[in-house]
Amino acid sequence: MMLYALKRKISLPNVDAGDIDKLIEDEWIEVVDDTFNLTDKSNKIVIKYDNYFIKAKKQTSNQLLGKNYNDNLNGYREIFPSGKLPSGKPGRNNVKVLEDSFRWFFENYTYTWDEVLKATKMYVNEYRDKEYLYMQTSQYFICKQDRNKVKHSSLADYCDMIRDGVETEDQHFKEKVV
């Protein structure tokens, strides 16, 4: 900690003179004109441990969502009904909003775009017969945050159903009584 403080020129309270003497003796620091300087040996170790705390660079959308992510985003968006849902909200959200949501999704899950599109079709088909009553918007289906700031993805649940081979289409005939 003392090496880091010296490198960043931060003063430390209660520094023991014996500790400084030991750092000089072991060639971690040197005294030049009454100032303490780090040696090459100590600079290397400070940089090494400093790198553990540097935040990783943010991935681009191409890296995270794949090369054809714009086509996939538009394909996903088109699965949802145009116009407003019975809740009064638009079924299809803006592509930029969807991109941000999918960035979170693919940072946290390992599904493919094929699984995503199949799961989305399954979800929308379930609500089609109910005239989309209580259906989530295209953004909230990907990711929705509850009041405790915990994010949940219905899309991930449906992707699991796709992987498990679950089919939700009704297998029986429907009759309309007039």
Protein backbone atom coordinates (compact mmCIF):
# COMPACT_ATOMS: atom_id res chain seq x y z
CA MET A 1 0.00 0.00 0.00
CA MET A 2 2.89 2.32 0.70
CA LEU A 3 4.28 1.78 -2.81
CA TYR A 4 0.92 2.65 -4.34
CA ALA A 5 0.65 5.76 -2.17
CA LEU A 6 4.13 6.87 -3.20
CA LYS A 7 3.38 6.33 -6.89
CA ARG A 8 0.11 8.30 -6.67
CA LYS A 9 1.65 10.88 -4.34
CA ILE A 10 -0.89 10.17 -1.63
CA SER A 11 0.06 10.81 1.97
CA LEU A 12 -0.47 8.02 4.45
CA PRO A 13 -1.11 8.66 8.13
CA ASN A 14 1.02 6.95 10.77
CA VAL A 15 3.89 5.79 8.55
CA ASP A 16 6.54 4.00 10.57
CA ALA A 17 10.13 5.09 9.81
CA GLY A 18 11.20 1.45 10.14
CA ASP A 19 8.93 0.50 7.26
CA ILE A 20 10.47 3.14 5.02
CA ASP A 21 13.98 2.03 5.99
CA LYS A 22 13.06 -1.56 5.10
CA LEU A 23 11.71 -0.47 1.69
CA ILE A 24 14.95 1.42 0.99
CA GLU A 25 17.08 -1.52 2.18
CA ASP A 26 15.18 -4.00 -0.04
CA GLU A 27 15.51 -1.59 -3.01
CA TRP A 28 11.78 -0.90 -3.40
CA ILE A 29 12.28 2.85 -3.07
CA GLU A 30 15.22 5.24 -3.35
CA VAL A 31 15.81 8.67 -1.89
CA VAL A 32 16.69 11.44 -4.34
CA ASP A 33 16.91 15.04 -3.09
CA ASP A 34 14.87 14.25 0.05
CA THR A 35 12.03 12.68 -1.98
CA PHE A 36 11.13 9.05 -2.19
CA ASN A 37 11.03 7.53 -5.69
CA LEU A 38 9.93 4.07 -6.73
CA THR A 39 12.52 1.79 -8.28
CA ASP A 40 11.84 -0.15 -11.48
CA LYS A 41 11.17 -3.24 -9.38
CA SER A 42 8.45 -1.50 -7.36
CA ASN A 43 6.96 0.24 -10.42
CA LYS A 44 6.43 -3.15 -12.06
CA ILE A 45 4.65 -4.59 -9.06
CA VAL A 46 2.45 -1.52 -8.59
CA ILE A 47 1.43 -1.66 -12.27
CA LYS A 48 0.79 -5.42 -12.03
CA TYR A 49 -1.61 -5.08 -9.10
CA ASP A 50 -3.14 -1.87 -10.45
CA ASN A 51 -4.18 -3.76 -13.60
CA TYR A 52 -6.33 -6.09 -11.53
CA PHE A 53 -8.64 -3.18 -10.80
CA ILE A 54 -8.88 -1.66 -14.27
CA LYS A 55 -12.32 -2.20 -15.76
CA ALA A 56 -12.30 -4.31 -18.91
CA LYS A 57 -12.98 -2.50 -22.15
CA LYS A 58 -16.60 -2.47 -23.24
CA GLN A 59 -17.36 -4.85 -26.09
CA THR A 60 -18.81 -3.47 -29.29
CA SER A 61 -22.26 -4.50 -30.45
CA ASN A 62 -20.66 -6.49 -33.29
CA GLN A 63 -18.59 -8.47 -30.79
CA LEU A 64 -21.46 -9.03 -28.38
CA LEU A 65 -24.46 -9.46 -30.69
CA GLY A 66 -22.78 -10.83 -33.82
CA LYS A 67 -22.04 -9.38 -37.25
CA ASN A 68 -25.65 -9.41 -38.50
CA TYR A 69 -27.14 -8.05 -35.32
CA ASN A 70 -29.10 -5.31 -37.12
CA ASP A 71 -30.92 -7.91 -39.23
CA ASN A 72 -31.56 -10.01 -36.14
CA LEU A 73 -32.84 -7.00 -34.17
CA ASN A 74 -35.24 -6.09 -36.96
CA GLY A 75 -36.32 -9.73 -37.32
CA TYR A 76 -36.99 -9.90 -33.58
CA ARG A 77 -38.92 -6.62 -33.66
CA GLU A 78 -41.10 -7.76 -36.59
CA ILE A 79 -42.34 -10.80 -34.64
CA PHE A 80 -44.20 -8.49 -32.25
CA PRO A 81 -47.52 -6.99 -33.35
CA SER A 82 -47.43 -3.49 -34.77
CA GLY A 83 -49.56 -0.90 -33.03
CA LYS A 84 -50.54 -0.78 -29.40
CA LEU A 85 -51.14 -3.70 -27.09
CA PRO A 86 -54.27 -3.79 -24.88
CA SER A 87 -52.10 -2.27 -22.14
CA GLY A 88 -51.81 0.87 -24.26
CA LYS A 89 -48.07 0.44 -24.88
CA PRO A 90 -46.58 -0.18 -28.34
CA GLY A 91 -45.79 -3.86 -28.93
CA ARG A 92 -42.63 -2.99 -30.88
CA ASN A 93 -40.00 -0.86 -29.20
CA ASN A 94 -37.38 1.28 -30.90
CA VAL A 95 -34.43 -0.63 -32.39
CA LYS A 96 -31.87 1.34 -30.33
CA VAL A 97 -33.71 0.45 -27.11
CA LEU A 98 -33.78 -3.19 -28.20
CA GLU A 99 -30.05 -3.10 -28.95
CA ASP A 100 -29.29 -1.90 -25.42
CA SER A 101 -31.52 -4.61 -23.94
CA PHE A 102 -29.94 -7.31 -26.09
CA ARG A 103 -26.47 -6.14 -25.07
CA TRP A 104 -27.46 -6.90 -21.46
CA PHE A 105 -29.07 -10.19 -22.53
CA PHE A 106 -26.04 -11.52 -24.40
CA GLU A 107 -23.66 -10.39 -21.64
CA ASN A 108 -25.62 -12.58 -19.21
CA TYR A 109 -26.84 -15.52 -21.32
CA THR A 110 -25.33 -17.84 -23.94
CA TYR A 111 -28.29 -18.33 -26.27
CA THR A 112 -28.07 -18.05 -30.05
CA TRP A 113 -30.08 -15.69 -32.23
CA ASP A 114 -31.87 -18.73 -33.66
CA GLU A 115 -33.04 -19.74 -30.17
CA VAL A 116 -34.03 -16.14 -29.41
CA LEU A 117 -36.17 -15.84 -32.54
CA LYS A 118 -37.85 -19.24 -32.00
CA ALA A 119 -38.56 -18.42 -28.34
CA THR A 120 -40.01 -15.04 -29.33
CA LYS A 121 -42.31 -16.62 -31.93
CA MET A 122 -43.47 -19.11 -29.31
CA TYR A 123 -44.22 -16.30 -26.86
CA VAL A 124 -46.10 -14.09 -29.32
CA ASN A 125 -48.13 -17.06 -30.65
CA GLU A 126 -49.31 -17.83 -27.12
CA TYR A 127 -50.76 -14.34 -26.80
CA ARG A 128 -52.10 -14.05 -30.35
CA ASP A 129 -55.21 -16.10 -29.56
CA LYS A 130 -55.83 -13.98 -26.45
CA GLU A 131 -55.59 -10.81 -28.57
CA TYR A 132 -52.26 -9.98 -26.90
CA LEU A 133 -53.89 -9.33 -23.51
CA TYR A 134 -51.19 -9.00 -20.78
CA MET A 135 -48.37 -9.53 -23.29
CA GLN A 136 -45.04 -7.81 -22.60
CA THR A 137 -43.57 -5.29 -25.01
CA SER A 138 -40.59 -6.33 -27.13
CA GLN A 139 -38.20 -4.63 -24.70
CA TYR A 140 -39.70 -6.00 -21.48
CA PHE A 141 -39.70 -9.52 -22.91
CA ILE A 142 -35.89 -9.29 -23.15
CA CYS A 143 -35.28 -7.68 -19.78
CA LYS A 144 -37.43 -6.16 -17.08
CA GLN A 145 -36.23 -4.74 -13.78
CA ASP A 146 -38.40 -5.20 -10.71
CA ARG A 147 -38.74 -2.68 -7.90
CA ASN A 148 -35.80 -4.28 -6.05
CA LYS A 149 -33.55 -3.50 -9.05
CA VAL A 150 -33.29 -7.19 -9.98
CA LYS A 151 -33.38 -7.85 -13.72
CA HIS A 152 -35.38 -10.76 -15.08
CA SER A 153 -35.67 -12.06 -18.63
CA SER A 154 -38.78 -13.84 -19.83
CA LEU A 155 -36.91 -14.38 -23.11
CA ALA A 156 -34.31 -16.47 -21.26
CA ASP A 157 -37.10 -18.61 -19.80
CA TYR A 158 -38.56 -19.20 -23.25
CA CYS A 159 -35.10 -19.95 -24.68
CA ASP A 160 -34.76 -22.63 -22.01
CA MET A 161 -38.09 -24.05 -23.14
CA ILE A 162 -36.78 -24.15 -26.73
CA ARG A 163 -33.66 -26.01 -25.58
CA ASP A 164 -35.82 -28.42 -23.57
CA GLY A 165 -38.06 -29.12 -26.59
CA VAL A 166 -41.23 -27.75 -25.00
CA GLU A 167 -44.04 -26.80 -27.36
CA THR A 168 -46.79 -24.50 -26.17
CA GLU A 169 -49.04 -24.49 -29.24
CA ASP A 170 -52.44 -25.90 -28.44
CA GLN A 171 -52.75 -29.41 -29.85
CA HIS A 172 -56.54 -29.51 -29.77
CA PHE A 173 -59.23 -28.19 -32.07
CA LYS A 174 -61.08 -25.03 -31.25
CA GLU A 175 -64.67 -24.39 -32.11
CA LYS A 176 -66.35 -21.06 -32.32
CA VAL A 177 -69.94 -21.10 -31.19
CA VAL A 178 -72.03 -18.53 -32.97
